[in-house]
Amino acid sequence: MEYPDLVLVKHEDAPSFDAFENLTRKVLAFNGNLMLTEHTMEAGSIFPKHQHPHDQLAYLVSGHIRVEAAGQTFEAKAGDSFVLKGNVDHQVWAIERSVALDIFTPLREDYLMHAAAPSLEAAKAASAVEV
């Protein structure tokens, strides 16, 4: 797949959907190499233990979470960040309402169905696309 040189996604245009109970996801800007997502977790919600082949960089915008990853458990608060290699089991608990930005490489193809993205044909034809 070919992506345009620039993909701009306005936050208000990105659809939000329930990924898990009390946990919503927005797929923001992405291309073939990177994908930015926003996860909002209500206090007490759990992002179940999972793994994926994508490297993941997480930045906690607000809130307080507990993370179990790579055999370690730690807490993160607003402004904290961490990176996970692909194929590492991890799980997250929201101690309070939290918003995190997650960057994946390569992009999460399993999230594309929820993205506010132009059609691939339009993306191929455009040098810059706003969605």
C-alpha atoms as a PDB file:
ATOM      1  CA  MET A   1       0.000   0.000   0.000  1.00  0.00           C
ATOM      2  CA  GLU A   2       1.130   3.489  -0.743  1.00  0.00           C
ATOM      3  CA  TYR A   3       0.328   6.403   1.545  1.00  0.00           C
ATOM      4  CA  PRO A   4       0.457  10.116   0.775  1.00  0.00           C
ATOM      5  CA  ASP A   5       3.344  12.286   1.916  1.00  0.00           C
ATOM      6  CA  LEU A   6       1.101  13.882   4.534  1.00  0.00           C
ATOM      7  CA  VAL A   7      -1.919  12.517   6.394  1.00  0.00           C
ATOM      8  CA  LEU A   8      -3.666  14.966   8.720  1.00  0.00           C
ATOM      9  CA  VAL A   9      -6.324  13.721  11.128  1.00  0.00           C
ATOM     10  CA  LYS A  10      -8.351  16.225  13.141  1.00  0.00           C
ATOM     11  CA  HIS A  11      -9.089  14.871  16.627  1.00  0.00           C
ATOM     12  CA  GLU A  12     -12.792  15.699  16.348  1.00  0.00           C
ATOM     13  CA  ASP A  13     -13.022  13.776  13.062  1.00  0.00           C
ATOM     14  CA  ALA A  14     -11.502  10.558  14.407  1.00  0.00           C
ATOM     15  CA  PRO A  15     -14.249   8.148  15.466  1.00  0.00           C
ATOM     16  CA  SER A  16     -14.093   6.785  18.985  1.00  0.00           C
ATOM     17  CA  PHE A  17     -15.060   3.189  19.656  1.00  0.00           C
ATOM     18  CA  ASP A  18     -15.191   0.838  22.607  1.00  0.00           C
ATOM     19  CA  ALA A  19     -12.138  -1.385  22.589  1.00  0.00           C
ATOM     20  CA  PHE A  20     -13.040  -2.976  25.942  1.00  0.00           C
ATOM     21  CA  GLU A  21     -15.436  -2.169  28.760  1.00  0.00           C
ATOM     22  CA  ASN A  22     -14.821   1.440  29.895  1.00  0.00           C
ATOM     23  CA  LEU A  23     -11.943   1.796  27.445  1.00  0.00           C
ATOM     24  CA  THR A  24     -12.258   3.756  24.202  1.00  0.00           C
ATOM     25  CA  ARG A  25      -9.855   4.002  21.279  1.00  0.00           C
ATOM     26  CA  LYS A  26      -9.338   6.597  18.558  1.00  0.00           C
ATOM     27  CA  VAL A  27      -7.127   5.823  15.586  1.00  0.00           C
ATOM     28  CA  LEU A  28      -5.391   9.064  14.711  1.00  0.00           C
ATOM     29  CA  ALA A  29      -2.746   9.708  12.028  1.00  0.00           C
ATOM     30  CA  PHE A  30      -0.940   6.799  10.396  1.00  0.00           C
ATOM     31  CA  ASN A  31       0.987   5.654   7.366  1.00  0.00           C
ATOM     32  CA  GLY A  32       2.533   2.327   6.421  1.00  0.00           C
ATOM     33  CA  ASN A  33       5.257   2.635   9.067  1.00  0.00           C
ATOM     34  CA  LEU A  34       3.564   4.291  12.056  1.00  0.00           C
ATOM     35  CA  MET A  35       0.176   4.565  13.728  1.00  0.00           C
ATOM     36  CA  LEU A  36      -0.904   6.963  16.475  1.00  0.00           C
ATOM     37  CA  THR A  37      -3.804   5.948  18.716  1.00  0.00           C
ATOM     38  CA  GLU A  38      -5.466   7.472  21.757  1.00  0.00           C
ATOM     39  CA  HIS A  39      -6.792   5.267  24.539  1.00  0.00           C
ATOM     40  CA  THR A  40      -9.113   6.616  27.236  1.00  0.00           C
ATOM     41  CA  MET A  41      -9.518   4.346  30.233  1.00  0.00           C
ATOM     42  CA  GLU A  42     -12.065   5.013  32.956  1.00  0.00           C
ATOM     43  CA  ALA A  43     -10.948   4.444  36.551  1.00  0.00           C
ATOM     44  CA  GLY A  44     -10.974   0.739  37.344  1.00  0.00           C
ATOM     45  CA  SER A  45     -10.915  -0.399  33.716  1.00  0.00           C
ATOM     46  CA  ILE A  46      -8.534  -3.079  32.531  1.00  0.00           C
ATOM     47  CA  PHE A  47      -6.761  -3.440  29.206  1.00  0.00           C
ATOM     48  CA  PRO A  48      -6.481  -7.258  29.161  1.00  0.00           C
ATOM     49  CA  LYS A  49      -3.148  -9.042  28.921  1.00  0.00           C
ATOM     50  CA  HIS A  50      -2.114  -9.294  25.282  1.00  0.00           C
ATOM     51  CA  GLN A  51       0.776  -9.062  22.879  1.00  0.00           C
ATOM     52  CA  HIS A  52       1.244  -8.006  19.277  1.00  0.00           C
ATOM     53  CA  PRO A  53       4.179  -8.009  16.854  1.00  0.00           C
ATOM     54  CA  HIS A  54       4.325  -4.186  16.809  1.00  0.00           C
ATOM     55  CA  ASP A  55       6.778  -2.105  18.817  1.00  0.00           C
ATOM     56  CA  GLN A  56       4.779   0.306  20.981  1.00  0.00           C
ATOM     57  CA  LEU A  57       5.670   3.663  22.481  1.00  0.00           C
ATOM     58  CA  ALA A  58       3.201   4.862  25.122  1.00  0.00           C
ATOM     59  CA  TYR A  59       2.852   8.375  26.554  1.00  0.00           C
ATOM     60  CA  LEU A  60       0.433   9.009  29.406  1.00  0.00           C
ATOM     61  CA  VAL A  61      -1.271  12.353  28.727  1.00  0.00           C
ATOM     62  CA  SER A  62      -3.305  12.311  31.934  1.00  0.00           C
ATOM     63  CA  GLY A  63      -4.220  10.003  34.766  1.00  0.00           C
ATOM     64  CA  HIS A  64      -2.538   7.161  36.613  1.00  0.00           C
ATOM     65  CA  ILE A  65      -2.095   3.553  35.429  1.00  0.00           C
ATOM     66  CA  ARG A  66      -0.446   0.333  36.549  1.00  0.00           C
ATOM     67  CA  VAL A  67       1.340  -1.659  33.873  1.00  0.00           C
ATOM     68  CA  GLU A  68       2.555  -5.248  33.855  1.00  0.00           C
ATOM     69  CA  ALA A  69       5.045  -5.892  31.054  1.00  0.00           C
ATOM     70  CA  ALA A  70       8.139  -7.991  30.464  1.00  0.00           C
ATOM     71  CA  GLY A  71       7.915  -9.499  33.933  1.00  0.00           C
ATOM     72  CA  GLN A  72       7.786  -6.096  35.650  1.00  0.00           C
ATOM     73  CA  THR A  73       4.987  -4.115  37.252  1.00  0.00           C
ATOM     74  CA  PHE A  74       5.166  -0.329  37.475  1.00  0.00           C
ATOM     75  CA  GLU A  75       2.935   2.713  37.780  1.00  0.00           C
ATOM     76  CA  ALA A  76       2.868   5.625  35.349  1.00  0.00           C
ATOM     77  CA  LYS A  77       1.393   9.094  35.745  1.00  0.00           C
ATOM     78  CA  ALA A  78       0.789  12.006  33.372  1.00  0.00           C
ATOM     79  CA  GLY A  79       3.971  12.786  31.443  1.00  0.00           C
ATOM     80  CA  ASP A  80       5.494   9.313  31.818  1.00  0.00           C
ATOM     81  CA  SER A  81       6.320   7.146  28.812  1.00  0.00           C
ATOM     82  CA  PHE A  82       7.608   3.683  28.005  1.00  0.00           C
ATOM     83  CA  VAL A  83       8.501   1.547  25.001  1.00  0.00           C
ATOM     84  CA  LEU A  84       7.660  -2.131  24.527  1.00  0.00           C
ATOM     85  CA  LYS A  85       9.193  -4.396  21.942  1.00  0.00           C
ATOM     86  CA  GLY A  86       6.796  -6.422  19.856  1.00  0.00           C
ATOM     87  CA  ASN A  87       5.602  -9.817  21.129  1.00  0.00           C
ATOM     88  CA  VAL A  88       5.914  -8.842  24.810  1.00  0.00           C
ATOM     89  CA  ASP A  89       2.927  -9.664  27.041  1.00  0.00           C
ATOM     90  CA  HIS A  90       1.482  -6.580  28.714  1.00  0.00           C
ATOM     91  CA  GLN A  91      -1.597  -5.487  30.629  1.00  0.00           C
ATOM     92  CA  VAL A  92      -2.806  -2.106  31.940  1.00  0.00           C
ATOM     93  CA  TRP A  93      -5.085  -1.118  34.837  1.00  0.00           C
ATOM     94  CA  ALA A  94      -6.456   2.426  35.178  1.00  0.00           C
ATOM     95  CA  ILE A  95      -6.016   3.608  38.758  1.00  0.00           C
ATOM     96  CA  GLU A  96      -7.828   6.798  37.763  1.00  0.00           C
ATOM     97  CA  ARG A  97      -9.320   8.048  34.495  1.00  0.00           C
ATOM     98  CA  SER A  98      -6.390   8.083  32.074  1.00  0.00           C
ATOM     99  CA  VAL A  99      -5.642   9.122  28.512  1.00  0.00           C
ATOM    100  CA  ALA A 100      -2.661   7.610  26.702  1.00  0.00           C
ATOM    101  CA  LEU A 101      -1.184   8.111  23.266  1.00  0.00           C
ATOM    102  CA  ASP A 102       0.248   4.942  21.739  1.00  0.00           C
ATOM    103  CA  ILE A 103       2.486   4.866  18.691  1.00  0.00           C
ATOM    104  CA  PHE A 104       2.871   1.540  16.909  1.00  0.00           C
ATOM    105  CA  THR A 105       5.364   0.476  14.298  1.00  0.00           C
ATOM    106  CA  PRO A 106       4.514  -0.859  11.877  1.00  0.00           C
ATOM    107  CA  LEU A 107       0.907   0.302  11.749  1.00  0.00           C
ATOM    108  CA  ARG A 108      -1.785  -1.859  13.367  1.00  0.00           C
ATOM    109  CA  GLU A 109      -3.669  -3.260  10.385  1.00  0.00           C
ATOM    110  CA  ASP A 110      -6.226  -4.702  12.810  1.00  0.00           C
ATOM    111  CA  TYR A 111      -7.159  -1.105  13.800  1.00  0.00           C
ATOM    112  CA  LEU A 112      -7.664   0.191  10.237  1.00  0.00           C
ATOM    113  CA  MET A 113     -11.376  -0.648  10.167  1.00  0.00           C
ATOM    114  CA  HIS A 114     -11.894   2.013  12.842  1.00  0.00           C
ATOM    115  CA  ALA A 115      -9.776   4.729  11.242  1.00  0.00           C
ATOM    116  CA  ALA A 116     -11.178   7.911   9.727  1.00  0.00           C
ATOM    117  CA  ALA A 117      -8.972   7.476   6.694  1.00  0.00           C
ATOM    118  CA  PRO A 118      -9.477   8.281   3.057  1.00  0.00           C
ATOM    119  CA  SER A 119      -9.978   5.417   0.673  1.00  0.00           C
ATOM    120  CA  LEU A 120      -6.706   3.855  -0.381  1.00  0.00           C
ATOM    121  CA  GLU A 121      -7.336   4.899  -3.969  1.00  0.00           C
ATOM    122  CA  ALA A 122      -7.753   8.513  -2.874  1.00  0.00           C
ATOM    123  CA  ALA A 123      -4.660   8.248  -0.694  1.00  0.00           C
ATOM    124  CA  LYS A 124      -2.586   6.973  -3.587  1.00  0.00           C
ATOM    125  CA  ALA A 125      -3.734   9.836  -5.788  1.00  0.00           C
ATOM    126  CA  ALA A 126      -3.143  12.591  -3.227  1.00  0.00           C
ATOM    127  CA  SER A 127       0.080  14.241  -2.143  1.00  0.00           C
ATOM    128  CA  ALA A 128      -1.616  15.473   1.038  1.00  0.00           C
ATOM    129  CA  VAL A 129      -4.829  14.224   2.562  1.00  0.00           C
ATOM    130  CA  GLU A 130      -6.915  15.650   5.399  1.00  0.00           C
ATOM    131  CA  VAL A 131      -9.299  13.227   7.037  1.00  0.00           C
END
